[in-house]
Protein backbone atom coordinates (compact mmCIF):
# COMPACT_ATOMS: atom_id res chain seq x y z
CA MET A 1 -73.34 38.89 -5.15
CA SER A 2 -70.57 40.57 -3.42
CA THR A 3 -67.02 39.39 -3.63
CA ASP A 4 -65.32 38.66 -0.36
CA TRP A 5 -61.91 40.00 -1.09
CA ASN A 6 -60.63 38.99 2.31
CA ALA A 7 -61.43 35.34 1.62
CA ILE A 8 -59.78 35.51 -1.79
CA ALA A 9 -56.69 37.13 -0.26
CA ALA A 10 -56.57 34.44 2.41
CA ILE A 11 -56.84 31.67 -0.21
CA ALA A 12 -54.16 33.33 -2.35
CA SER A 13 -51.92 33.63 0.69
CA ALA A 14 -52.45 29.96 1.51
CA ILE A 15 -51.63 28.96 -2.09
CA ALA A 16 -48.49 31.13 -2.01
CA ALA A 17 -47.45 29.56 1.30
CA LEU A 18 -47.97 26.05 -0.10
CA ALA A 19 -45.95 27.00 -3.20
CA ALA A 20 -43.16 28.34 -0.96
CA VAL A 21 -43.13 25.11 1.09
CA ALA A 22 -43.11 23.01 -2.09
CA THR A 23 -40.24 25.11 -3.46
CA ALA A 24 -38.31 24.70 -0.19
CA ILE A 25 -38.83 20.92 -0.27
CA VAL A 26 -37.65 20.70 -3.90
CA ALA A 27 -34.64 22.91 -3.11
CA TYR A 28 -33.77 20.74 -0.10
CA TYR A 29 -33.82 17.53 -2.12
CA GLN A 30 -31.88 19.13 -4.99
CA THR A 31 -29.24 20.40 -2.54
CA ARG A 32 -29.06 16.96 -0.94
CA ALA A 33 -28.66 15.29 -4.33
CA ALA A 34 -26.00 17.82 -5.38
CA SER A 35 -24.18 17.25 -2.08
CA ALA A 36 -24.25 13.49 -2.62
CA ILE A 37 -22.91 13.92 -6.15
CA ALA A 38 -20.18 16.27 -4.90
CA LYS A 39 -19.23 13.80 -2.13
CA SER A 40 -19.19 10.94 -4.62
CA THR A 41 -17.01 12.96 -6.96
CA ALA A 42 -14.70 13.92 -4.09
CA ASP A 43 -14.50 10.28 -2.97
CA GLN A 44 -13.67 9.20 -6.52
CA ALA A 45 -11.01 11.92 -6.79
CA LEU A 46 -9.50 10.76 -3.49
CA GLU A 47 -9.47 7.12 -4.62
CA LEU A 48 -7.85 8.15 -7.90
CA ALA A 49 -5.21 10.18 -6.03
CA LYS A 50 -4.47 7.21 -3.73
CA PHE A 51 -4.20 4.86 -6.69
CA ASN A 52 -1.89 7.31 -8.46
CA ALA A 53 0.32 7.59 -5.37
CA GLU A 54 0.41 3.79 -5.16
CA LEU A 55 1.48 3.47 -8.80
CA ILE A 56 4.13 6.18 -8.50
CA SER A 57 5.51 4.60 -5.32
CA LEU A 58 5.57 1.16 -6.90
CA GLN A 59 7.30 2.48 -10.01
CA HIS A 60 9.89 4.30 -7.91
CA LEU A 61 10.52 1.19 -5.80
CA ASP A 62 10.85 -0.99 -8.89
CA GLU A 63 13.33 1.45 -10.46
CA GLN A 64 15.39 1.29 -7.27
CA TRP A 65 15.16 -2.51 -6.98
CA GLN A 66 16.20 -3.03 -10.61
CA SER A 67 18.89 -0.31 -10.67
CA GLN A 68 22.47 -1.36 -11.39
CA HIS A 69 23.56 -0.09 -7.97
CA MET A 70 20.92 -2.18 -6.17
CA ILE A 71 21.70 -5.24 -8.28
CA GLU A 72 25.34 -4.98 -7.23
CA MET A 73 24.28 -4.67 -3.58
CA ARG A 74 21.93 -7.64 -3.92
CA CYS A 75 24.74 -9.75 -5.42
CA SER A 76 27.13 -8.76 -2.66
CA ALA A 77 24.61 -9.29 0.15
CA ALA A 78 23.50 -12.66 -1.22
CA LYS A 79 27.11 -13.82 -1.52
CA ALA A 80 27.80 -12.76 2.07
CA LEU A 81 24.69 -14.52 3.34
CA LEU A 82 25.61 -17.72 1.50
CA GLU A 83 28.98 -17.52 3.24
CA GLY A 84 27.22 -17.12 6.61
CA ARG A 85 28.05 -13.47 7.17
CA THR A 86 26.47 -10.04 6.78
CA ASN A 87 27.73 -6.87 5.17
CA PHE A 88 26.85 -3.23 4.54
CA ASP A 89 24.98 -4.16 1.36
CA LEU A 90 22.59 -6.33 3.37
CA ASP A 91 21.89 -3.29 5.56
CA GLN A 92 21.02 -1.34 2.41
CA ILE A 93 18.64 -4.05 1.21
CA LEU A 94 16.95 -4.19 4.62
CA ASP A 95 16.70 -0.38 4.48
CA PHE A 96 14.96 -0.70 1.12
CA PHE A 97 12.51 -3.25 2.54
CA GLU A 98 11.96 -0.98 5.56
CA GLU A 99 11.00 1.82 3.17
CA ILE A 100 8.38 -0.48 1.63
CA ALA A 101 7.17 -1.30 5.15
CA ARG A 102 6.84 2.42 5.98
CA LEU A 103 4.81 3.00 2.81
CA VAL A 104 2.54 0.11 3.78
CA LYS A 105 2.20 1.42 7.34
CA ARG A 106 1.25 4.91 6.07
CA GLY A 107 -1.32 3.47 3.69
CA VAL A 108 0.47 4.68 0.56
CA LEU A 109 1.08 1.12 -0.59
CA PRO A 110 -1.47 -1.56 0.26
CA VAL A 111 0.08 -4.67 1.78
CA GLU A 112 -1.41 -6.70 -1.08
CA THR A 113 0.51 -4.61 -3.61
CA ALA A 114 3.75 -4.93 -1.63
CA TRP A 115 3.13 -8.67 -1.34
CA ASP A 116 2.52 -8.99 -5.07
CA ALA A 117 5.70 -7.15 -5.99
CA TYR A 118 8.16 -8.12 -3.23
CA TYR A 119 6.94 -11.08 -1.18
CA TRP A 120 9.49 -13.59 -2.43
CA PRO A 121 12.62 -11.43 -2.12
CA ILE A 122 11.54 -10.06 1.25
CA SER A 123 10.67 -13.52 2.58
CA ASN A 124 13.96 -15.02 1.49
CA TYR A 125 16.16 -12.17 2.71
CA TRP A 126 14.20 -12.01 5.97
CA ARG A 127 14.56 -15.76 6.51
CA VAL A 128 18.35 -15.47 6.63
CA SER A 129 18.68 -11.99 8.14
CA SER A 130 15.94 -11.68 10.78
CA ALA A 131 18.28 -12.70 13.62
CA TYR A 132 20.81 -10.11 12.40
CA ALA A 133 18.05 -7.50 12.19
CA GLN A 134 16.91 -8.33 15.73
CA LYS A 135 20.48 -8.06 17.05
CA THR A 136 20.89 -4.72 15.27
CA GLN A 137 17.63 -3.50 16.83
CA ASP A 138 18.82 -4.62 20.26
CA ASP A 139 22.14 -2.79 19.76
CA GLU A 140 20.97 0.34 17.93
CA GLY A 141 17.28 0.79 18.69
CA ALA A 142 14.57 1.46 16.12
CA THR A 143 16.24 -0.02 13.07
CA TRP A 144 14.02 -1.89 10.62
CA ASN A 145 11.19 -1.84 13.18
CA ASN A 146 8.39 -1.79 10.56
CA LEU A 147 9.86 -4.65 8.55
CA PRO A 148 8.89 -7.56 10.85
CA ILE A 149 5.32 -6.23 11.01
CA MET A 150 5.11 -6.06 7.23
CA VAL A 151 6.65 -9.53 6.84
CA ALA A 152 3.92 -10.92 9.12
CA ALA A 153 1.22 -9.07 7.15
CA MET A 154 2.65 -10.33 3.86
CA ARG A 155 2.64 -13.88 5.20
CA GLU A 156 -1.05 -13.51 6.00
CA VAL A 157 -1.71 -12.36 2.43
CA GLU A 158 0.38 -15.24 1.06
CA ALA A 159 -1.52 -17.73 3.22
CA LYS A 160 -4.84 -16.34 2.05
CA GLU A 161 -3.83 -16.22 -1.62
CA SER A 162 -2.22 -19.66 -1.62
CA THR A 163 -4.85 -21.20 0.66
CA ARG A 164 -2.12 -22.70 2.83
CA ALA A 165 -1.44 -22.30 6.52
CA ILE A 166 0.97 -19.56 7.58
CA ASP A 167 3.46 -22.14 8.88
CA GLN A 168 3.57 -23.71 5.38
CA ILE A 169 4.31 -20.62 3.31
CA ALA A 170 7.77 -19.51 4.42
CA PRO A 171 10.51 -20.39 1.96
CA SER A 172 12.43 -23.53 2.84
CA GLU A 173 16.17 -23.52 3.48
CA THR A 174 16.69 -24.97 -0.01
CA GLN A 175 14.47 -22.36 -1.64
CA THR A 176 16.29 -19.56 0.15
CA LYS A 177 19.68 -20.96 -0.85
CA GLU A 178 18.53 -21.16 -4.50
CA PHE A 179 17.12 -17.64 -4.26
CA LEU A 180 20.41 -16.26 -2.92
CA GLU A 181 22.38 -18.11 -5.59
CA ASP A 182 20.13 -16.52 -8.22
CA GLU A 183 20.77 -13.13 -6.62
CA THR A 184 24.53 -13.62 -6.88
CA ASN A 185 24.12 -14.23 -10.62
CA LEU A 186 22.18 -11.02 -11.28
CA ARG A 187 25.33 -9.06 -12.06
CA SER A 188 26.35 -11.47 -14.80
CA LEU A 189 22.82 -11.33 -16.26
CA GLU A 190 23.04 -7.53 -16.51
CA ARG A 191 26.18 -7.70 -18.64
CA ARG A 192 24.73 -9.99 -21.28
CA PRO A 193 24.07 -8.33 -24.64
């Protein structure tokens, strides 16, 4: 019996080729799995970074809103609005709300987060100052141009969360008056021991 070395070599070559194909298939699936894990990790890192930016922005906004300087401006603006007039402090409050609107527009702060933290003050100040803001825009151009868009978006969130129609969620004249009266008393609350 003679050994056909050519046949054995051909079989060995075929086995080696099959092993190479199997190795390539395993490597492909491992690379695909590793890529999916890397993408998932990158997506999680991105979500964590966005959440961190949201928290930092919210903390910074809250520090501003609760600062002594802002409380004094809120008192002054509320008093002026109750007297039927506007003042520089109202401009500063609208600027603050515009900053929130810009953060929402850029996706740094979700509208739901802005709504949760600032819906009531924004709604009440906007109720009594939107005509003034519109006149200022007409006179000066792009002033507070993101604010009306955010107010509308916040109203949609409020309607959804409260399960009421949009036309039923705006603060009433009485609620706004009470809100502004509360704002005028903030300064005296700060001085209490």
